[in-house]
Each structure stands twice: as C-alpha cells, then as structure tokens.
Amino acid sequence: MSSFDKLLNEIKSLSKELRFDELRKVLEVYGYTMSAKGGSHHVFRKSGKPPITVPKHEPIKKAYVMMVKEVIESEASDDENS
C-alpha cells in the first residue's frame, strides 16, 4: 500500500492525527488549488465545486477532515459515473 493510500485511509477513518500539509496534498491531487484567506485560514478551490476553507492548525479538527473525506467520496463517485 502506497503512502498516499495510507493517507486516504487515515482521512476515511477520520484520524485525529492529520496535519494541514497532508490534507493539502490530498486536495491538490484531486485538482484543488490553495490560496490564502488571511492569517491561518486557507481556501481550496476547484472549478465547479464549492470552496473549502481549512485553518492551518495542528492537528486538524475532525470537521475539516470530514470535509476532505466528502471530497474523496465525491471524486470516487464521479469516477464511477464517468
């Protein structure tokens, strides 16, 4: 299992030990780009999808991990429908 697959499994299990850079990596793989929203918050955008705002705190709170989990699930279902 690759390190990326392990990271996806951590997100799917809603791990409490995830770091901002790990979530950023996953979002960027799925086509999101990051822009600063000021201070500690960063916005990830992808055409045709709602923006996702994630604060850069360690560890990431469960609510933000859940948002990235929804992106993963949405992208997986989009791939199945293609």
PDB file of N, CA and C in Angstrom:
ATOM      1  N   MET A   1       0.849  -1.176   0.000  1.00  0.00           N
ATOM      2  CA  MET A   1       0.000   0.000   0.000  1.00  0.00           C
ATOM      3  C   MET A   1       0.895   1.238   0.000  1.00  0.00           C
ATOM      4  N   SER A   2       0.618   2.164  -0.904  1.00  0.00           N
ATOM      5  CA  SER A   2       1.433   3.372  -1.002  1.00  0.00           C
ATOM      6  C   SER A   2       1.155   4.316   0.173  1.00  0.00           C
ATOM      7  N   SER A   3       2.056   5.270   0.367  1.00  0.00           N
ATOM      8  CA  SER A   3       1.859   6.233   1.454  1.00  0.00           C
ATOM      9  C   SER A   3       0.614   7.085   1.199  1.00  0.00           C
ATOM     10  N   PHE A   4       0.296   7.344  -0.079  1.00  0.00           N
ATOM     11  CA  PHE A   4      -0.909   8.109  -0.393  1.00  0.00           C
ATOM     12  C   PHE A   4      -2.161   7.315  -0.030  1.00  0.00           C
ATOM     13  N   ASP A   5      -2.158   6.008  -0.305  1.00  0.00           N
ATOM     14  CA  ASP A   5      -3.290   5.158   0.068  1.00  0.00           C
ATOM     15  C   ASP A   5      -3.471   5.118   1.583  1.00  0.00           C
ATOM     16  N   LYS A   6      -2.362   5.075   2.316  1.00  0.00           N
ATOM     17  CA  LYS A   6      -2.432   5.098   3.780  1.00  0.00           C
ATOM     18  C   LYS A   6      -3.033   6.421   4.260  1.00  0.00           C
ATOM     19  N   LEU A   7      -2.642   7.510   3.609  1.00  0.00           N
ATOM     20  CA  LEU A   7      -3.184   8.820   3.952  1.00  0.00           C
ATOM     21  C   LEU A   7      -4.681   8.875   3.684  1.00  0.00           C
ATOM     22  N   LEU A   8      -5.119   8.332   2.551  1.00  0.00           N
ATOM     23  CA  LEU A   8      -6.555   8.291   2.253  1.00  0.00           C
ATOM     24  C   LEU A   8      -7.297   7.477   3.308  1.00  0.00           C
ATOM     25  N   ASN A   9      -6.719   6.368   3.742  1.00  0.00           N
ATOM     26  CA  ASN A   9      -7.354   5.545   4.780  1.00  0.00           C
ATOM     27  C   ASN A   9      -7.450   6.292   6.101  1.00  0.00           C
ATOM     28  N   GLU A  10      -6.427   7.079   6.434  1.00  0.00           N
ATOM     29  CA  GLU A  10      -6.480   7.882   7.656  1.00  0.00           C
ATOM     30  C   GLU A  10      -7.605   8.903   7.579  1.00  0.00           C
ATOM     31  N   ILE A  11      -7.769   9.513   6.420  1.00  0.00           N
ATOM     32  CA  ILE A  11      -8.840  10.503   6.246  1.00  0.00           C
ATOM     33  C   ILE A  11     -10.195   9.815   6.336  1.00  0.00           C
ATOM     34  N   LYS A  12     -10.335   8.682   5.673  1.00  0.00           N
ATOM     35  CA  LYS A  12     -11.608   7.961   5.696  1.00  0.00           C
ATOM     36  C   LYS A  12     -11.976   7.499   7.101  1.00  0.00           C
ATOM     37  N   SER A  13     -10.976   7.220   7.931  1.00  0.00           N
ATOM     38  CA  SER A  13     -11.243   6.796   9.307  1.00  0.00           C
ATOM     39  C   SER A  13     -11.341   7.989  10.257  1.00  0.00           C
ATOM     40  N   LEU A  14     -11.253   9.203   9.704  1.00  0.00           N
ATOM     41  CA  LEU A  14     -11.355  10.456  10.451  1.00  0.00           C
ATOM     42  C   LEU A  14     -10.313  10.534  11.570  1.00  0.00           C
ATOM     43  N   SER A  15      -9.075  10.214  11.222  1.00  0.00           N
ATOM     44  CA  SER A  15      -7.963  10.255  12.173  1.00  0.00           C
ATOM     45  C   SER A  15      -7.840  11.635  12.805  1.00  0.00           C
ATOM     46  N   LYS A  16      -7.480  11.653  14.076  1.00  0.00           N
ATOM     47  CA  LYS A  16      -7.293  12.912  14.796  1.00  0.00           C
ATOM     48  C   LYS A  16      -5.851  13.393  14.714  1.00  0.00           C
ATOM     49  N   GLU A  17      -5.008  12.683  13.993  1.00  0.00           N
ATOM     50  CA  GLU A  17      -3.586  12.998  13.932  1.00  0.00           C
ATOM     51  C   GLU A  17      -3.146  13.596  12.597  1.00  0.00           C
ATOM     52  N   LEU A  18      -4.081  14.001  11.751  1.00  0.00           N
ATOM     53  CA  LEU A  18      -3.731  14.523  10.429  1.00  0.00           C
ATOM     54  C   LEU A  18      -3.193  15.948  10.517  1.00  0.00           C
ATOM     55  N   ARG A  19      -2.292  16.252   9.619  1.00  0.00           N
ATOM     56  CA  ARG A  19      -1.692  17.581   9.555  1.00  0.00           C
ATOM     57  C   ARG A  19      -2.247  18.338   8.348  1.00  0.00           C
ATOM     58  N   PHE A  20      -2.126  19.644   8.410  1.00  0.00           N
ATOM     59  CA  PHE A  20      -2.609  20.509   7.343  1.00  0.00           C
ATOM     60  C   PHE A  20      -1.992  20.116   6.002  1.00  0.00           C
ATOM     61  N   ASP A  21      -0.680  19.901   5.988  1.00  0.00           N
ATOM     62  CA  ASP A  21       0.003  19.579   4.730  1.00  0.00           C
ATOM     63  C   ASP A  21      -0.487  18.273   4.122  1.00  0.00           C
ATOM     64  N   GLU A  22      -0.920  17.333   4.952  1.00  0.00           N
ATOM     65  CA  GLU A  22      -1.459  16.077   4.431  1.00  0.00           C
ATOM     66  C   GLU A  22      -2.794  16.305   3.741  1.00  0.00           C
ATOM     67  N   LEU A  23      -3.658  17.117   4.358  1.00  0.00           N
ATOM     68  CA  LEU A  23      -4.946  17.430   3.715  1.00  0.00           C
ATOM     69  C   LEU A  23      -4.727  18.229   2.444  1.00  0.00           C
ATOM     70  N   ARG A  24      -3.775  19.153   2.485  1.00  0.00           N
ATOM     71  CA  ARG A  24      -3.470  19.948   1.296  1.00  0.00           C
ATOM     72  C   ARG A  24      -3.031  19.043   0.146  1.00  0.00           C
ATOM     73  N   LYS A  25      -2.181  18.076   0.438  1.00  0.00           N
ATOM     74  CA  LYS A  25      -1.691  17.159  -0.590  1.00  0.00           C
ATOM     75  C   LYS A  25      -2.851  16.414  -1.254  1.00  0.00           C
ATOM     76  N   VAL A  26      -3.777  15.913  -0.443  1.00  0.00           N
ATOM     77  CA  VAL A  26      -4.912  15.162  -0.977  1.00  0.00           C
ATOM     78  C   VAL A  26      -5.791  16.071  -1.841  1.00  0.00           C
ATOM     79  N   LEU A  27      -6.097  17.260  -1.349  1.00  0.00           N
ATOM     80  CA  LEU A  27      -6.939  18.176  -2.120  1.00  0.00           C
ATOM     81  C   LEU A  27      -6.278  18.561  -3.443  1.00  0.00           C
ATOM     82  N   GLU A  28      -4.973  18.770  -3.421  1.00  0.00           N
ATOM     83  CA  GLU A  28      -4.273  19.128  -4.656  1.00  0.00           C
ATOM     84  C   GLU A  28      -4.272  17.971  -5.651  1.00  0.00           C
ATOM     85  N   VAL A  29      -4.164  16.743  -5.171  1.00  0.00           N
ATOM     86  CA  VAL A  29      -4.230  15.581  -6.065  1.00  0.00           C
ATOM     87  C   VAL A  29      -5.587  15.530  -6.763  1.00  0.00           C
ATOM     88  N   TYR A  30      -6.646  15.935  -6.058  1.00  0.00           N
ATOM     89  CA  TYR A  30      -7.982  15.936  -6.636  1.00  0.00           C
ATOM     90  C   TYR A  30      -8.299  17.221  -7.398  1.00  0.00           C
ATOM     91  N   GLY A  31      -7.279  18.051  -7.678  1.00  0.00           N
ATOM     92  CA  GLY A  31      -7.457  19.197  -8.553  1.00  0.00           C
ATOM     93  C   GLY A  31      -7.766  20.520  -7.881  1.00  0.00           C
ATOM     94  N   TYR A  32      -7.712  20.588  -6.570  1.00  0.00           N
ATOM     95  CA  TYR A  32      -7.956  21.835  -5.858  1.00  0.00           C
ATOM     96  C   TYR A  32      -6.666  22.649  -5.798  1.00  0.00           C
ATOM     97  N   THR A  33      -6.807  23.961  -5.826  1.00  0.00           N
ATOM     98  CA  THR A  33      -5.650  24.835  -5.658  1.00  0.00           C
ATOM     99  C   THR A  33      -5.846  25.648  -4.389  1.00  0.00           C
ATOM    100  N   MET A  34      -4.754  25.936  -3.718  1.00  0.00           N
ATOM    101  CA  MET A  34      -4.816  26.629  -2.435  1.00  0.00           C
ATOM    102  C   MET A  34      -4.509  28.107  -2.605  1.00  0.00           C
ATOM    103  N   SER A  35      -5.271  28.927  -1.891  1.00  0.00           N
ATOM    104  CA  SER A  35      -4.979  30.347  -1.806  1.00  0.00           C
ATOM    105  C   SER A  35      -5.201  30.775  -0.368  1.00  0.00           C
ATOM    106  N   ALA A  36      -4.434  31.726   0.083  1.00  0.00           N
ATOM    107  CA  ALA A  36      -4.558  32.189   1.467  1.00  0.00           C
ATOM    108  C   ALA A  36      -5.801  33.055   1.614  1.00  0.00           C
ATOM    109  N   LYS A  37      -6.475  32.907   2.736  1.00  0.00           N
ATOM    110  CA  LYS A  37      -7.643  33.739   3.023  1.00  0.00           C
ATOM    111  C   LYS A  37      -7.305  34.709   4.146  1.00  0.00           C
ATOM    112  N   GLY A  38      -6.090  34.746   4.507  1.00  0.00           N
ATOM    113  CA  GLY A  38      -5.671  35.610   5.592  1.00  0.00           C
ATOM    114  C   GLY A  38      -5.298  34.782   6.805  1.00  0.00           C
ATOM    115  N   GLY A  39      -4.332  35.256   7.518  1.00  0.00           N
ATOM    116  CA  GLY A  39      -3.933  34.603   8.749  1.00  0.00           C
ATOM    117  C   GLY A  39      -3.696  33.122   8.605  1.00  0.00           C
ATOM    118  N   SER A  40      -4.432  32.364   9.380  1.00  0.00           N
ATOM    119  CA  SER A  40      -4.193  30.923   9.449  1.00  0.00           C
ATOM    120  C   SER A  40      -5.140  30.108   8.572  1.00  0.00           C
ATOM    121  N   HIS A  41      -6.068  30.758   7.883  1.00  0.00           N
ATOM    122  CA  HIS A  41      -7.042  30.025   7.077  1.00  0.00           C
ATOM    123  C   HIS A  41      -6.648  30.024   5.600  1.00  0.00           C
ATOM    124  N   HIS A  42      -6.850  28.875   4.968  1.00  0.00           N
ATOM    125  CA  HIS A  42      -6.539  28.733   3.554  1.00  0.00           C
ATOM    126  C   HIS A  42      -7.761  28.190   2.831  1.00  0.00           C
ATOM    127  N   VAL A  43      -7.983  28.702   1.628  1.00  0.00           N
ATOM    128  CA  VAL A  43      -9.132  28.297   0.831  1.00  0.00           C
ATOM    129  C   VAL A  43      -8.639  27.441  -0.331  1.00  0.00           C
ATOM    130  N   PHE A  44      -9.309  26.320  -0.536  1.00  0.00           N
ATOM    131  CA  PHE A  44      -9.006  25.424  -1.647  1.00  0.00           C
ATOM    132  C   PHE A  44     -10.150  25.525  -2.636  1.00  0.00           C
ATOM    133  N   ARG A  45      -9.813  25.744  -3.895  1.00  0.00           N
ATOM    134  CA  ARG A  45     -10.830  25.937  -4.928  1.00  0.00           C
ATOM    135  C   ARG A  45     -10.623  24.964  -6.082  1.00  0.00           C
ATOM    136  N   LYS A  46     -11.772  24.562  -6.655  1.00  0.00           N
ATOM    137  CA  LYS A  46     -11.771  23.737  -7.862  1.00  0.00           C
ATOM    138  C   LYS A  46     -12.982  24.154  -8.668  1.00  0.00           C
ATOM    139  N   SER A  47     -12.800  24.323  -9.950  1.00  0.00           N
ATOM    140  CA  SER A  47     -13.881  24.749 -10.820  1.00  0.00           C
ATOM    141  C   SER A  47     -15.073  23.805 -10.699  1.00  0.00           C
ATOM    142  N   GLY A  48     -16.249  24.370 -10.501  1.00  0.00           N
ATOM    143  CA  GLY A  48     -17.470  23.583 -10.424  1.00  0.00           C
ATOM    144  C   GLY A  48     -17.748  22.982  -9.056  1.00  0.00           C
ATOM    145  N   LYS A  49     -16.879  23.242  -8.084  1.00  0.00           N
ATOM    146  CA  LYS A  49     -17.045  22.711  -6.725  1.00  0.00           C
ATOM    147  C   LYS A  49     -17.047  23.870  -5.740  1.00  0.00           C
ATOM    148  N   PRO A  50     -17.746  23.716  -4.608  1.00  0.00           N
ATOM    149  CA  PRO A  50     -17.710  24.780  -3.605  1.00  0.00           C
ATOM    150  C   PRO A  50     -16.317  24.865  -2.969  1.00  0.00           C
ATOM    151  N   PRO A  51     -15.887  26.069  -2.588  1.00  0.00           N
ATOM    152  CA  PRO A  51     -14.575  26.204  -1.955  1.00  0.00           C
ATOM    153  C   PRO A  51     -14.562  25.547  -0.577  1.00  0.00           C
ATOM    154  N   ILE A  52     -13.381  25.127  -0.163  1.00  0.00           N
ATOM    155  CA  ILE A  52     -13.194  24.509   1.146  1.00  0.00           C
ATOM    156  C   ILE A  52     -12.194  25.365   1.920  1.00  0.00           C
ATOM    157  N   THR A  53     -12.582  25.834   3.096  1.00  0.00           N
ATOM    158  CA  THR A  53     -11.696  26.621   3.940  1.00  0.00           C
ATOM    159  C   THR A  53     -11.183  25.738   5.066  1.00  0.00           C
ATOM    160  N   VAL A  54      -9.858  25.693   5.218  1.00  0.00           N
ATOM    161  CA  VAL A  54      -9.236  24.865   6.246  1.00  0.00           C
ATOM    162  C   VAL A  54      -8.249  25.731   7.025  1.00  0.00           C
ATOM    163  N   PRO A  55      -8.390  25.796   8.366  1.00  0.00           N
ATOM    164  CA  PRO A  55      -7.401  26.536   9.156  1.00  0.00           C
ATOM    165  C   PRO A  55      -6.115  25.725   9.264  1.00  0.00           C
ATOM    166  N   LYS A  56      -5.001  26.421   9.281  1.00  0.00           N
ATOM    167  CA  LYS A  56      -3.712  25.734   9.368  1.00  0.00           C
ATOM    168  C   LYS A  56      -3.343  25.573  10.839  1.00  0.00           C
ATOM    169  N   HIS A  57      -3.985  24.617  11.482  1.00  0.00           N
ATOM    170  CA  HIS A  57      -3.712  24.265  12.877  1.00  0.00           C
ATOM    171  C   HIS A  57      -3.320  22.802  12.922  1.00  0.00           C
ATOM    172  N   GLU A  58      -2.532  22.442  13.895  1.00  0.00           N
ATOM    173  CA  GLU A  58      -2.107  21.050  14.048  1.00  0.00           C
ATOM    174  C   GLU A  58      -2.591  20.523  15.384  1.00  0.00           C
ATOM    175  N   PRO A  59      -3.190  19.381  15.456  1.00  0.00           N
ATOM    176  CA  PRO A  59      -3.734  18.609  14.350  1.00  0.00           C
ATOM    177  C   PRO A  59      -5.026  19.239  13.834  1.00  0.00           C
ATOM    178  N   ILE A  60      -5.443  18.803  12.668  1.00  0.00           N
ATOM    179  CA  ILE A  60      -6.655  19.332  12.041  1.00  0.00           C
ATOM    180  C   ILE A  60      -7.881  18.797  12.770  1.00  0.00           C
ATOM    181  N   LYS A  61      -8.846  19.663  13.005  1.00  0.00           N
ATOM    182  CA  LYS A  61     -10.083  19.234  13.679  1.00  0.00           C
ATOM    183  C   LYS A  61     -10.889  18.298  12.784  1.00  0.00           C
ATOM    184  N   LYS A  62     -11.638  17.449  13.440  1.00  0.00           N
ATOM    185  CA  LYS A  62     -12.419  16.411  12.760  1.00  0.00           C
ATOM    186  C   LYS A  62     -13.351  16.985  11.692  1.00  0.00           C
ATOM    187  N   ALA A  63     -13.934  18.136  11.933  1.00  0.00           N
ATOM    188  CA  ALA A  63     -14.880  18.731  10.980  1.00  0.00           C
ATOM    189  C   ALA A  63     -14.213  18.987   9.626  1.00  0.00           C
ATOM    190  N   TYR A  64     -12.950  19.394   9.631  1.00  0.00           N
ATOM    191  CA  TYR A  64     -12.248  19.676   8.382  1.00  0.00           C
ATOM    192  C   TYR A  64     -11.809  18.386   7.699  1.00  0.00           C
ATOM    193  N   VAL A  65     -11.454  17.382   8.494  1.00  0.00           N
ATOM    194  CA  VAL A  65     -11.121  16.070   7.927  1.00  0.00           C
ATOM    195  C   VAL A  65     -12.362  15.500   7.245  1.00  0.00           C
ATOM    196  N   MET A  66     -13.535  15.705   7.852  1.00  0.00           N
ATOM    197  CA  MET A  66     -14.789  15.217   7.264  1.00  0.00           C
ATOM    198  C   MET A  66     -15.047  15.885   5.913  1.00  0.00           C
ATOM    199  N   MET A  67     -14.721  17.182   5.791  1.00  0.00           N
ATOM    200  CA  MET A  67     -14.913  17.877   4.515  1.00  0.00           C
ATOM    201  C   MET A  67     -14.040  17.257   3.427  1.00  0.00           C
ATOM    202  N   VAL A  68     -12.797  16.932   3.765  1.00  0.00           N
ATOM    203  CA  VAL A  68     -11.898  16.328   2.780  1.00  0.00           C
ATOM    204  C   VAL A  68     -12.353  14.903   2.466  1.00  0.00           C
ATOM    205  N   LYS A  69     -12.869  14.201   3.459  1.00  0.00           N
ATOM    206  CA  LYS A  69     -13.412  12.855   3.227  1.00  0.00           C
ATOM    207  C   LYS A  69     -14.560  12.927   2.215  1.00  0.00           C
ATOM    208  N   GLU A  70     -15.412  13.933   2.334  1.00  0.00           N
ATOM    209  CA  GLU A  70     -16.522  14.107   1.390  1.00  0.00           C
ATOM    210  C   GLU A  70     -15.995  14.372  -0.026  1.00  0.00           C
ATOM    211  N   VAL A  71     -14.896  15.108  -0.141  1.00  0.00           N
ATOM    212  CA  VAL A  71     -14.288  15.348  -1.456  1.00  0.00           C
ATOM    213  C   VAL A  71     -13.832  14.027  -2.053  1.00  0.00           C
ATOM    214  N   ILE A  72     -13.151  13.211  -1.251  1.00  0.00           N
ATOM    215  CA  ILE A  72     -12.656  11.911  -1.724  1.00  0.00           C
ATOM    216  C   ILE A  72     -13.815  11.046  -2.201  1.00  0.00           C
ATOM    217  N   GLU A  73     -14.875  10.986  -1.399  1.00  0.00           N
ATOM    218  CA  GLU A  73     -16.038  10.167  -1.761  1.00  0.00           C
ATOM    219  C   GLU A  73     -16.729  10.710  -3.009  1.00  0.00           C
ATOM    220  N   SER A  74     -16.824  12.029  -3.119  1.00  0.00           N
ATOM    221  CA  SER A  74     -17.453  12.648  -4.286  1.00  0.00           C
ATOM    222  C   SER A  74     -16.643  12.363  -5.548  1.00  0.00           C
ATOM    223  N   GLU A  75     -15.340  12.488  -5.444  1.00  0.00           N
ATOM    224  CA  GLU A  75     -14.481  12.232  -6.602  1.00  0.00           C
ATOM    225  C   GLU A  75     -14.560  10.757  -7.006  1.00  0.00           C
ATOM    226  N   ALA A  76     -14.640   9.869  -6.037  1.00  0.00           N
ATOM    227  CA  ALA A  76     -14.744   8.434  -6.333  1.00  0.00           C
ATOM    228  C   ALA A  76     -16.056   8.131  -7.063  1.00  0.00           C
ATOM    229  N   SER A  77     -17.152   8.755  -6.621  1.00  0.00           N
ATOM    230  CA  SER A  77     -18.438   8.502  -7.274  1.00  0.00           C
ATOM    231  C   SER A  77     -18.466   9.142  -8.661  1.00  0.00           C
ATOM    232  N   ASP A  78     -17.783  10.303  -8.829  1.00  0.00           N
ATOM    233  CA  ASP A  78     -17.684  10.919 -10.152  1.00  0.00           C
ATOM    234  C   ASP A  78     -16.928  10.020 -11.116  1.00  0.00           C
ATOM    235  N   ASP A  79     -15.860   9.363 -10.614  1.00  0.00           N
ATOM    236  CA  ASP A  79     -15.080   8.440 -11.450  1.00  0.00           C
ATOM    237  C   ASP A  79     -15.911   7.229 -11.855  1.00  0.00           C
ATOM    238  N   GLU A  80     -16.748   6.736 -10.932  1.00  0.00           N
ATOM    239  CA  GLU A  80     -17.589   5.596 -11.233  1.00  0.00           C
ATOM    240  C   GLU A  80     -18.647   5.930 -12.271  1.00  0.00           C
ATOM    241  N   ASN A  81     -19.128   7.167 -12.254  1.00  0.00           N
ATOM    242  CA  ASN A  81     -20.181   7.592 -13.176  1.00  0.00           C
ATOM    243  C   ASN A  81     -19.638   7.980 -14.546  1.00  0.00           C
ATOM    244  N   SER A  82     -18.328   8.120 -14.646  1.00  0.00           N
ATOM    245  CA  SER A  82     -17.727   8.524 -15.931  1.00  0.00           C
ATOM    246  C   SER A  82     -17.601   7.379 -16.885  1.00  0.00           C
TER     247      SER A  82
END
